[in-house]
Amino acid sequence: MKRTFLIAGNWKMNAGPTEASALSKEIASLWKDKSFSSEALICPPFVSISSVVSGFEGSDFKTGAQNVSNEDNGAFTGEISTEMLKDSGCEYVIVGHSERREYYNEDDELVALKAKKVVDSGLKVIICVGEILSDRKAGRAEKVVKDQLNTALNQLDGDLSDQVVIAYEPVWAIGTGETATPDQAQEMHKFIRSLLSNHFGTEVAEKIRILYGGSMKPDNAEELLSQKDVDGGLIGGASLKADSFSRILAIAESI
């Protein structure tokens, strides 16, 4: 079946409110008086969410968050709840990004609790999975991804195809000098869809989008997005420039 592409920009720790306002307005301006059938999303830092929501006002672009707490509220200094994100205008939340796992020691169980909290709150979740270089070289890539994904899926039930998105990050191909080919991306995306099918059933699994998060940019987007089970991209650096993010979206529209 034909799934709608999702082109999601993750700005990471870049673009404070002033810069975020200007950049989101620039992105929206490139599509002024144009429409797109894909879904397009930017996930800025927490402090810039309101600026991006305002910058996208009147456009089809959506806003998301890069992380969230698994708690509702209370004495959790520095944390942000799903209700706060909803109140700020977010529609999506990323959980389990490789940088959260590596730098902040977020394990599979915590990522699973966050995914459940996002879904239960009525927001849409992007669950990130992916193996590091040593896992890939040792032939453990599928086991790592299976363990990460199944831990999260065990917290989720029912037809959640409208709320759940998976993002595959081949961590070994980001900043290592190694290269992930479109065939390698498709191979893992196909494997991920089989895991989704085992959990939700084939009909639901065929509706869930799986994004590629391995340094997608305008010069490789077409080949990656043309793969059968690649349903969009989780874009890092290329989303910090209006032109390059817009070009990726335009490529998605052309496929």
C-alpha atoms as a PDB file:
ATOM      1  CA  MET A   1       0.000   0.000   0.000  1.00  0.00           C
ATOM      2  CA  LYS A   2       1.047   3.595  -0.503  1.00  0.00           C
ATOM      3  CA  ARG A   3       2.080   5.271   2.742  1.00  0.00           C
ATOM      4  CA  THR A   4       2.317   9.060   3.031  1.00  0.00           C
ATOM      5  CA  PHE A   5       5.918  10.221   3.295  1.00  0.00           C
ATOM      6  CA  LEU A   6       6.938  11.927   6.531  1.00  0.00           C
ATOM      7  CA  ILE A   7       9.874  14.326   6.242  1.00  0.00           C
ATOM      8  CA  ALA A   8      10.885  15.199   9.802  1.00  0.00           C
ATOM      9  CA  GLY A   9      13.623  17.670  10.699  1.00  0.00           C
ATOM     10  CA  ASN A  10      15.468  17.252  14.004  1.00  0.00           C
ATOM     11  CA  TRP A  11      17.277  20.484  14.841  1.00  0.00           C
ATOM     12  CA  LYS A  12      18.944  18.950  17.897  1.00  0.00           C
ATOM     13  CA  MET A  13      20.583  21.606  20.115  1.00  0.00           C
ATOM     14  CA  ASN A  14      20.504  24.304  17.446  1.00  0.00           C
ATOM     15  CA  ALA A  15      18.359  27.372  16.764  1.00  0.00           C
ATOM     16  CA  GLY A  16      17.156  29.376  19.753  1.00  0.00           C
ATOM     17  CA  PRO A  17      13.802  31.191  19.562  1.00  0.00           C
ATOM     18  CA  THR A  18      15.007  34.065  17.344  1.00  0.00           C
ATOM     19  CA  GLU A  19      16.804  31.862  14.826  1.00  0.00           C
ATOM     20  CA  ALA A  20      14.037  29.258  14.937  1.00  0.00           C
ATOM     21  CA  SER A  21      11.414  31.877  14.149  1.00  0.00           C
ATOM     22  CA  ALA A  22      13.327  33.105  11.109  1.00  0.00           C
ATOM     23  CA  LEU A  23      14.150  29.612   9.846  1.00  0.00           C
ATOM     24  CA  SER A  24      10.621  28.240  10.209  1.00  0.00           C
ATOM     25  CA  LYS A  25       9.202  31.275   8.408  1.00  0.00           C
ATOM     26  CA  GLU A  26      11.749  30.792   5.618  1.00  0.00           C
ATOM     27  CA  ILE A  27      10.829  27.121   5.252  1.00  0.00           C
ATOM     28  CA  ALA A  28       7.126  27.959   5.134  1.00  0.00           C
ATOM     29  CA  SER A  29       7.712  30.755   2.624  1.00  0.00           C
ATOM     30  CA  LEU A  30       9.285  28.340   0.144  1.00  0.00           C
ATOM     31  CA  TRP A  31       5.937  26.523   0.003  1.00  0.00           C
ATOM     32  CA  LYS A  32       3.683  29.548   0.094  1.00  0.00           C
ATOM     33  CA  ASP A  33       0.747  29.046  -2.263  1.00  0.00           C
ATOM     34  CA  LYS A  34       1.956  25.465  -2.847  1.00  0.00           C
ATOM     35  CA  SER A  35       0.597  22.278  -1.363  1.00  0.00           C
ATOM     36  CA  PHE A  36       2.239  18.956  -0.631  1.00  0.00           C
ATOM     37  CA  SER A  37       0.794  15.494  -0.077  1.00  0.00           C
ATOM     38  CA  SER A  38       3.631  14.417   2.213  1.00  0.00           C
ATOM     39  CA  GLU A  39       3.750  15.287   5.901  1.00  0.00           C
ATOM     40  CA  ALA A  40       6.475  17.740   6.933  1.00  0.00           C
ATOM     41  CA  LEU A  41       7.609  18.309  10.483  1.00  0.00           C
ATOM     42  CA  ILE A  42      10.286  20.207  12.413  1.00  0.00           C
ATOM     43  CA  CYS A  43      11.403  19.244  15.926  1.00  0.00           C
ATOM     44  CA  PRO A  44      13.244  22.216  17.487  1.00  0.00           C
ATOM     45  CA  PRO A  45      14.686  22.540  21.003  1.00  0.00           C
ATOM     46  CA  PHE A  46      12.046  22.950  23.733  1.00  0.00           C
ATOM     47  CA  VAL A  47      12.645  26.707  24.083  1.00  0.00           C
ATOM     48  CA  SER A  48      11.993  27.222  20.359  1.00  0.00           C
ATOM     49  CA  ILE A  49       8.791  25.212  19.974  1.00  0.00           C
ATOM     50  CA  SER A  50       6.476  28.208  20.292  1.00  0.00           C
ATOM     51  CA  SER A  51       8.578  30.172  17.784  1.00  0.00           C
ATOM     52  CA  VAL A  52       8.322  27.382  15.225  1.00  0.00           C
ATOM     53  CA  VAL A  53       4.588  26.924  15.795  1.00  0.00           C
ATOM     54  CA  SER A  54       4.146  30.656  15.141  1.00  0.00           C
ATOM     55  CA  GLY A  55       6.484  30.593  12.151  1.00  0.00           C
ATOM     56  CA  PHE A  56       4.465  27.791  10.565  1.00  0.00           C
ATOM     57  CA  GLU A  57       1.097  29.410  11.201  1.00  0.00           C
ATOM     58  CA  GLY A  58      -1.073  29.259   8.098  1.00  0.00           C
ATOM     59  CA  SER A  59       1.076  26.530   6.517  1.00  0.00           C
ATOM     60  CA  ASP A  60       0.882  22.734   6.390  1.00  0.00           C
ATOM     61  CA  PHE A  61       4.138  22.293   8.328  1.00  0.00           C
ATOM     62  CA  LYS A  62       3.910  20.674  11.752  1.00  0.00           C
ATOM     63  CA  THR A  63       5.933  20.971  14.953  1.00  0.00           C
ATOM     64  CA  GLY A  64       7.275  18.282  17.253  1.00  0.00           C
ATOM     65  CA  ALA A  65       9.593  17.787  20.218  1.00  0.00           C
ATOM     66  CA  GLN A  66      12.921  15.981  20.488  1.00  0.00           C
ATOM     67  CA  ASN A  67      12.274  14.295  23.825  1.00  0.00           C
ATOM     68  CA  VAL A  68       9.758  14.082  26.680  1.00  0.00           C
ATOM     69  CA  SER A  69       9.425  12.842  30.250  1.00  0.00           C
ATOM     70  CA  ASN A  70       7.600   9.627  31.065  1.00  0.00           C
ATOM     71  CA  GLU A  71       6.060  11.406  34.074  1.00  0.00           C
ATOM     72  CA  ASP A  72       2.907  13.532  34.003  1.00  0.00           C
ATOM     73  CA  ASN A  73       4.046  16.350  36.315  1.00  0.00           C
ATOM     74  CA  GLY A  74       5.645  16.994  39.693  1.00  0.00           C
ATOM     75  CA  ALA A  75       9.109  17.370  41.205  1.00  0.00           C
ATOM     76  CA  PHE A  76      11.123  16.447  38.113  1.00  0.00           C
ATOM     77  CA  THR A  77      13.394  19.444  37.609  1.00  0.00           C
ATOM     78  CA  GLY A  78      14.282  20.130  33.991  1.00  0.00           C
ATOM     79  CA  GLU A  79      11.759  17.713  32.509  1.00  0.00           C
ATOM     80  CA  ILE A  80       8.929  18.416  30.043  1.00  0.00           C
ATOM     81  CA  SER A  81       5.589  16.572  30.019  1.00  0.00           C
ATOM     82  CA  THR A  82       3.382  15.503  27.134  1.00  0.00           C
ATOM     83  CA  GLU A  83       0.656  17.909  28.289  1.00  0.00           C
ATOM     84  CA  MET A  84       3.134  20.800  28.159  1.00  0.00           C
ATOM     85  CA  LEU A  85       4.074  19.806  24.612  1.00  0.00           C
ATOM     86  CA  LYS A  86       0.423  19.606  23.558  1.00  0.00           C
ATOM     87  CA  ASP A  87      -0.202  23.021  25.097  1.00  0.00           C
ATOM     88  CA  SER A  88       2.769  24.381  23.124  1.00  0.00           C
ATOM     89  CA  GLY A  89       1.368  23.168  19.804  1.00  0.00           C
ATOM     90  CA  CYS A  90       3.346  19.956  19.258  1.00  0.00           C
ATOM     91  CA  GLU A  91       1.883  17.044  17.329  1.00  0.00           C
ATOM     92  CA  TYR A  92       4.844  14.648  17.396  1.00  0.00           C
ATOM     93  CA  VAL A  93       7.515  13.589  19.897  1.00  0.00           C
ATOM     94  CA  ILE A  94      10.806  11.809  19.178  1.00  0.00           C
ATOM     95  CA  VAL A  95      11.817   9.174  21.744  1.00  0.00           C
ATOM     96  CA  GLY A  96      14.901   6.983  21.943  1.00  0.00           C
ATOM     97  CA  HIS A  97      17.124   9.018  19.634  1.00  0.00           C
ATOM     98  CA  SER A  98      20.600   7.489  19.436  1.00  0.00           C
ATOM     99  CA  GLU A  99      22.105  10.554  21.110  1.00  0.00           C
ATOM    100  CA  ARG A 100      19.699  10.227  24.055  1.00  0.00           C
ATOM    101  CA  ARG A 101      20.626   6.574  24.368  1.00  0.00           C
ATOM    102  CA  GLU A 102      24.380   7.177  24.110  1.00  0.00           C
ATOM    103  CA  TYR A 103      24.929  10.460  25.974  1.00  0.00           C
ATOM    104  CA  TYR A 104      22.129  10.292  28.542  1.00  0.00           C
ATOM    105  CA  ASN A 105      22.008   6.539  29.157  1.00  0.00           C
ATOM    106  CA  GLU A 106      18.359   6.128  28.165  1.00  0.00           C
ATOM    107  CA  ASP A 107      17.758   2.381  28.016  1.00  0.00           C
ATOM    108  CA  ASP A 108      15.127   0.420  26.106  1.00  0.00           C
ATOM    109  CA  GLU A 109      12.774   0.298  29.089  1.00  0.00           C
ATOM    110  CA  LEU A 110      12.763   4.062  29.595  1.00  0.00           C
ATOM    111  CA  VAL A 111      12.264   4.664  25.869  1.00  0.00           C
ATOM    112  CA  ALA A 112       9.313   2.258  25.977  1.00  0.00           C
ATOM    113  CA  LEU A 113       7.719   4.118  28.886  1.00  0.00           C
ATOM    114  CA  LYS A 114       8.130   7.413  27.038  1.00  0.00           C
ATOM    115  CA  ALA A 115       6.584   5.959  23.878  1.00  0.00           C
ATOM    116  CA  LYS A 116       3.574   4.735  25.859  1.00  0.00           C
ATOM    117  CA  LYS A 117       3.200   8.122  27.575  1.00  0.00           C
ATOM    118  CA  VAL A 118       3.206   9.919  24.220  1.00  0.00           C
ATOM    119  CA  VAL A 119       0.622   7.591  22.683  1.00  0.00           C
ATOM    120  CA  ASP A 120      -1.596   7.655  25.764  1.00  0.00           C
ATOM    121  CA  SER A 121      -1.570  11.462  25.667  1.00  0.00           C
ATOM    122  CA  GLY A 122      -2.887  11.497  22.103  1.00  0.00           C
ATOM    123  CA  LEU A 123       0.350  12.741  20.534  1.00  0.00           C
ATOM    124  CA  LYS A 124       2.221  10.915  17.771  1.00  0.00           C
ATOM    125  CA  VAL A 125       5.502   9.207  18.619  1.00  0.00           C
ATOM    126  CA  ILE A 126       8.630   8.657  16.523  1.00  0.00           C
ATOM    127  CA  ILE A 127      10.470   5.720  18.099  1.00  0.00           C
ATOM    128  CA  CYS A 128      14.146   5.627  17.127  1.00  0.00           C
ATOM    129  CA  VAL A 129      16.067   2.366  16.852  1.00  0.00           C
ATOM    130  CA  GLY A 130      19.472   1.505  15.426  1.00  0.00           C
ATOM    131  CA  GLU A 131      22.772  -0.221  15.977  1.00  0.00           C
ATOM    132  CA  ILE A 132      26.301   1.128  16.505  1.00  0.00           C
ATOM    133  CA  LEU A 133      29.320   0.194  14.376  1.00  0.00           C
ATOM    134  CA  SER A 134      30.574  -2.603  16.650  1.00  0.00           C
ATOM    135  CA  ASP A 135      27.136  -4.243  16.555  1.00  0.00           C
ATOM    136  CA  ARG A 136      27.006  -4.034  12.774  1.00  0.00           C
ATOM    137  CA  LYS A 137      30.504  -5.524  12.363  1.00  0.00           C
ATOM    138  CA  ALA A 138      29.728  -8.303  14.850  1.00  0.00           C
ATOM    139  CA  GLY A 139      26.551  -9.259  12.991  1.00  0.00           C
ATOM    140  CA  ARG A 140      24.315  -8.150  15.861  1.00  0.00           C
ATOM    141  CA  ALA A 141      22.464  -5.383  14.001  1.00  0.00           C
ATOM    142  CA  GLU A 142      19.115  -7.154  13.731  1.00  0.00           C
ATOM    143  CA  LYS A 143      19.218  -8.389  17.330  1.00  0.00           C
ATOM    144  CA  VAL A 144      19.896  -4.887  18.668  1.00  0.00           C
ATOM    145  CA  VAL A 145      17.090  -3.356  16.609  1.00  0.00           C
ATOM    146  CA  LYS A 146      14.727  -6.207  17.519  1.00  0.00           C
ATOM    147  CA  ASP A 147      15.390  -5.782  21.246  1.00  0.00           C
ATOM    148  CA  GLN A 148      14.998  -1.998  21.097  1.00  0.00           C
ATOM    149  CA  LEU A 149      11.792  -2.094  19.080  1.00  0.00           C
ATOM    150  CA  ASN A 150      10.093  -5.013  20.799  1.00  0.00           C
ATOM    151  CA  THR A 151      10.652  -3.470  24.225  1.00  0.00           C
ATOM    152  CA  ALA A 152       8.765  -0.389  23.046  1.00  0.00           C
ATOM    153  CA  LEU A 153       6.068  -2.317  21.173  1.00  0.00           C
ATOM    154  CA  ASN A 154       5.323  -4.412  24.254  1.00  0.00           C
ATOM    155  CA  GLN A 155       3.934  -1.218  25.818  1.00  0.00           C
ATOM    156  CA  LEU A 156       1.616  -0.572  22.850  1.00  0.00           C
ATOM    157  CA  ASP A 157      -1.527  -2.337  21.696  1.00  0.00           C
ATOM    158  CA  GLY A 158      -4.243  -1.901  19.090  1.00  0.00           C
ATOM    159  CA  ASP A 159      -4.235  -0.157  15.724  1.00  0.00           C
ATOM    160  CA  LEU A 160      -1.835   2.702  16.432  1.00  0.00           C
ATOM    161  CA  SER A 161      -0.821   3.225  12.816  1.00  0.00           C
ATOM    162  CA  ASP A 162      -1.910   6.882  13.020  1.00  0.00           C
ATOM    163  CA  GLN A 163       0.182   7.520  16.135  1.00  0.00           C
ATOM    164  CA  VAL A 164       3.329   5.405  15.796  1.00  0.00           C
ATOM    165  CA  VAL A 165       6.271   6.065  13.475  1.00  0.00           C
ATOM    166  CA  ILE A 166       9.578   4.185  13.592  1.00  0.00           C
ATOM    167  CA  ALA A 167      12.887   5.821  12.677  1.00  0.00           C
ATOM    168  CA  TYR A 168      15.851   3.614  11.823  1.00  0.00           C
ATOM    169  CA  GLU A 169      19.186   5.230  12.638  1.00  0.00           C
ATOM    170  CA  PRO A 170      22.241   3.312  11.430  1.00  0.00           C
ATOM    171  CA  VAL A 171      24.452   4.942  14.058  1.00  0.00           C
ATOM    172  CA  TRP A 172      27.475   3.250  12.482  1.00  0.00           C
ATOM    173  CA  ALA A 173      26.970   5.281   9.297  1.00  0.00           C
ATOM    174  CA  ILE A 174      26.767   8.700  10.947  1.00  0.00           C
ATOM    175  CA  GLY A 175      30.102  10.490  11.282  1.00  0.00           C
ATOM    176  CA  THR A 176      32.145   7.274  11.118  1.00  0.00           C
ATOM    177  CA  GLY A 177      33.335   7.318   7.519  1.00  0.00           C
ATOM    178  CA  GLU A 178      31.212   4.223   6.859  1.00  0.00           C
ATOM    179  CA  THR A 179      28.370   4.447   4.359  1.00  0.00           C
ATOM    180  CA  ALA A 180      24.883   2.976   4.537  1.00  0.00           C
ATOM    181  CA  THR A 181      23.632   2.071   1.084  1.00  0.00           C
ATOM    182  CA  PRO A 182      19.974   2.304   0.044  1.00  0.00           C
ATOM    183  CA  ASP A 183      19.935  -1.496  -0.141  1.00  0.00           C
ATOM    184  CA  GLN A 184      21.143  -1.745   3.455  1.00  0.00           C
ATOM    185  CA  ALA A 185      18.490   0.749   4.512  1.00  0.00           C
ATOM    186  CA  GLN A 186      15.774  -1.231   2.739  1.00  0.00           C
ATOM    187  CA  GLU A 187      16.994  -4.490   4.247  1.00  0.00           C
ATOM    188  CA  MET A 188      16.670  -3.158   7.801  1.00  0.00           C
ATOM    189  CA  HIS A 189      13.392  -1.361   7.113  1.00  0.00           C
ATOM    190  CA  LYS A 190      11.941  -4.617   5.763  1.00  0.00           C
ATOM    191  CA  PHE A 191      13.116  -6.397   8.919  1.00  0.00           C
ATOM    192  CA  ILE A 192      11.525  -3.694  11.096  1.00  0.00           C
ATOM    193  CA  ARG A 193       8.241  -4.061   9.230  1.00  0.00           C
ATOM    194  CA  SER A 194       8.319  -7.802   9.904  1.00  0.00           C
ATOM    195  CA  LEU A 195       8.670  -7.041  13.632  1.00  0.00           C
ATOM    196  CA  LEU A 196       5.729  -4.652  13.403  1.00  0.00           C
ATOM    197  CA  SER A 197       3.729  -7.339  11.634  1.00  0.00           C
ATOM    198  CA  ASN A 198       4.530  -9.873  14.354  1.00  0.00           C
ATOM    199  CA  HIS A 199       3.249  -7.442  16.985  1.00  0.00           C
ATOM    200  CA  PHE A 200       0.343  -5.614  15.338  1.00  0.00           C
ATOM    201  CA  GLY A 201      -0.524  -7.912  12.432  1.00  0.00           C
ATOM    202  CA  THR A 202       0.233  -7.392   8.759  1.00  0.00           C
ATOM    203  CA  GLU A 203      -2.580  -4.942   8.032  1.00  0.00           C
ATOM    204  CA  VAL A 204      -1.501  -2.468  10.719  1.00  0.00           C
ATOM    205  CA  ALA A 205       2.215  -2.982  10.018  1.00  0.00           C
ATOM    206  CA  GLU A 206       1.700  -2.033   6.382  1.00  0.00           C
ATOM    207  CA  LYS A 207       0.284   1.335   7.474  1.00  0.00           C
ATOM    208  CA  ILE A 208       3.065   2.289   9.925  1.00  0.00           C
ATOM    209  CA  ARG A 209       5.732   4.552   8.506  1.00  0.00           C
ATOM    210  CA  ILE A 210       9.427   3.744   8.913  1.00  0.00           C
ATOM    211  CA  LEU A 211      11.789   6.684   8.473  1.00  0.00           C
ATOM    212  CA  TYR A 212      15.467   6.545   7.563  1.00  0.00           C
ATOM    213  CA  GLY A 213      17.682   8.542   9.913  1.00  0.00           C
ATOM    214  CA  GLY A 214      21.163   8.053   8.466  1.00  0.00           C
ATOM    215  CA  SER A 215      22.277  11.440   7.148  1.00  0.00           C
ATOM    216  CA  MET A 216      19.609  11.894   4.490  1.00  0.00           C
ATOM    217  CA  LYS A 217      20.292  14.930   2.324  1.00  0.00           C
ATOM    218  CA  PRO A 218      19.185  16.237  -1.084  1.00  0.00           C
ATOM    219  CA  ASP A 219      21.814  14.267  -3.011  1.00  0.00           C
ATOM    220  CA  ASN A 220      20.827  10.858  -1.606  1.00  0.00           C
ATOM    221  CA  ALA A 221      17.158  11.399  -0.734  1.00  0.00           C
ATOM    222  CA  GLU A 222      15.672  10.170  -4.000  1.00  0.00           C
ATOM    223  CA  GLU A 223      17.487   6.838  -3.950  1.00  0.00           C
ATOM    224  CA  LEU A 224      16.632   6.262  -0.288  1.00  0.00           C
ATOM    225  CA  LEU A 225      12.992   7.331  -0.548  1.00  0.00           C
ATOM    226  CA  SER A 226      12.519   5.097  -3.585  1.00  0.00           C
ATOM    227  CA  GLN A 227      13.072   1.995  -1.457  1.00  0.00           C
ATOM    228  CA  LYS A 228       9.877   0.015  -0.823  1.00  0.00           C
ATOM    229  CA  ASP A 229       9.897   0.246   2.971  1.00  0.00           C
ATOM    230  CA  VAL A 230      11.467   3.701   3.416  1.00  0.00           C
ATOM    231  CA  ASP A 231       8.604   6.063   4.203  1.00  0.00           C
ATOM    232  CA  GLY A 232      10.454   9.290   4.855  1.00  0.00           C
ATOM    233  CA  GLY A 233      13.440  10.666   6.687  1.00  0.00           C
ATOM    234  CA  LEU A 234      14.499  11.894  10.097  1.00  0.00           C
ATOM    235  CA  ILE A 235      16.707  14.727   8.885  1.00  0.00           C
ATOM    236  CA  GLY A 236      19.500  16.243  10.966  1.00  0.00           C
ATOM    237  CA  GLY A 237      21.904  18.782   9.479  1.00  0.00           C
ATOM    238  CA  ALA A 238      20.007  19.183   6.203  1.00  0.00           C
ATOM    239  CA  SER A 239      16.943  20.419   8.117  1.00  0.00           C
ATOM    240  CA  LEU A 240      18.837  23.418   9.478  1.00  0.00           C
ATOM    241  CA  LYS A 241      18.850  25.037   6.040  1.00  0.00           C
ATOM    242  CA  ALA A 242      15.513  25.956   4.536  1.00  0.00           C
ATOM    243  CA  ASP A 243      16.613  25.203   0.993  1.00  0.00           C
ATOM    244  CA  SER A 244      17.992  21.707   1.653  1.00  0.00           C
ATOM    245  CA  PHE A 245      15.011  20.672   3.795  1.00  0.00           C
ATOM    246  CA  SER A 246      12.649  21.996   1.131  1.00  0.00           C
ATOM    247  CA  ARG A 247      14.527  20.109  -1.584  1.00  0.00           C
ATOM    248  CA  ILE A 248      14.140  16.822   0.309  1.00  0.00           C
ATOM    249  CA  LEU A 249      10.422  17.491   0.672  1.00  0.00           C
ATOM    250  CA  ALA A 250      10.191  18.249  -3.041  1.00  0.00           C
ATOM    251  CA  ILE A 251      11.949  14.970  -3.828  1.00  0.00           C
ATOM    252  CA  ALA A 252       9.439  13.096  -1.664  1.00  0.00           C
ATOM    253  CA  GLU A 253       6.644  14.809  -3.577  1.00  0.00           C
ATOM    254  CA  SER A 254       8.109  13.676  -6.893  1.00  0.00           C
ATOM    255  CA  ILE A 255       8.206   9.965  -6.025  1.00  0.00           C
END
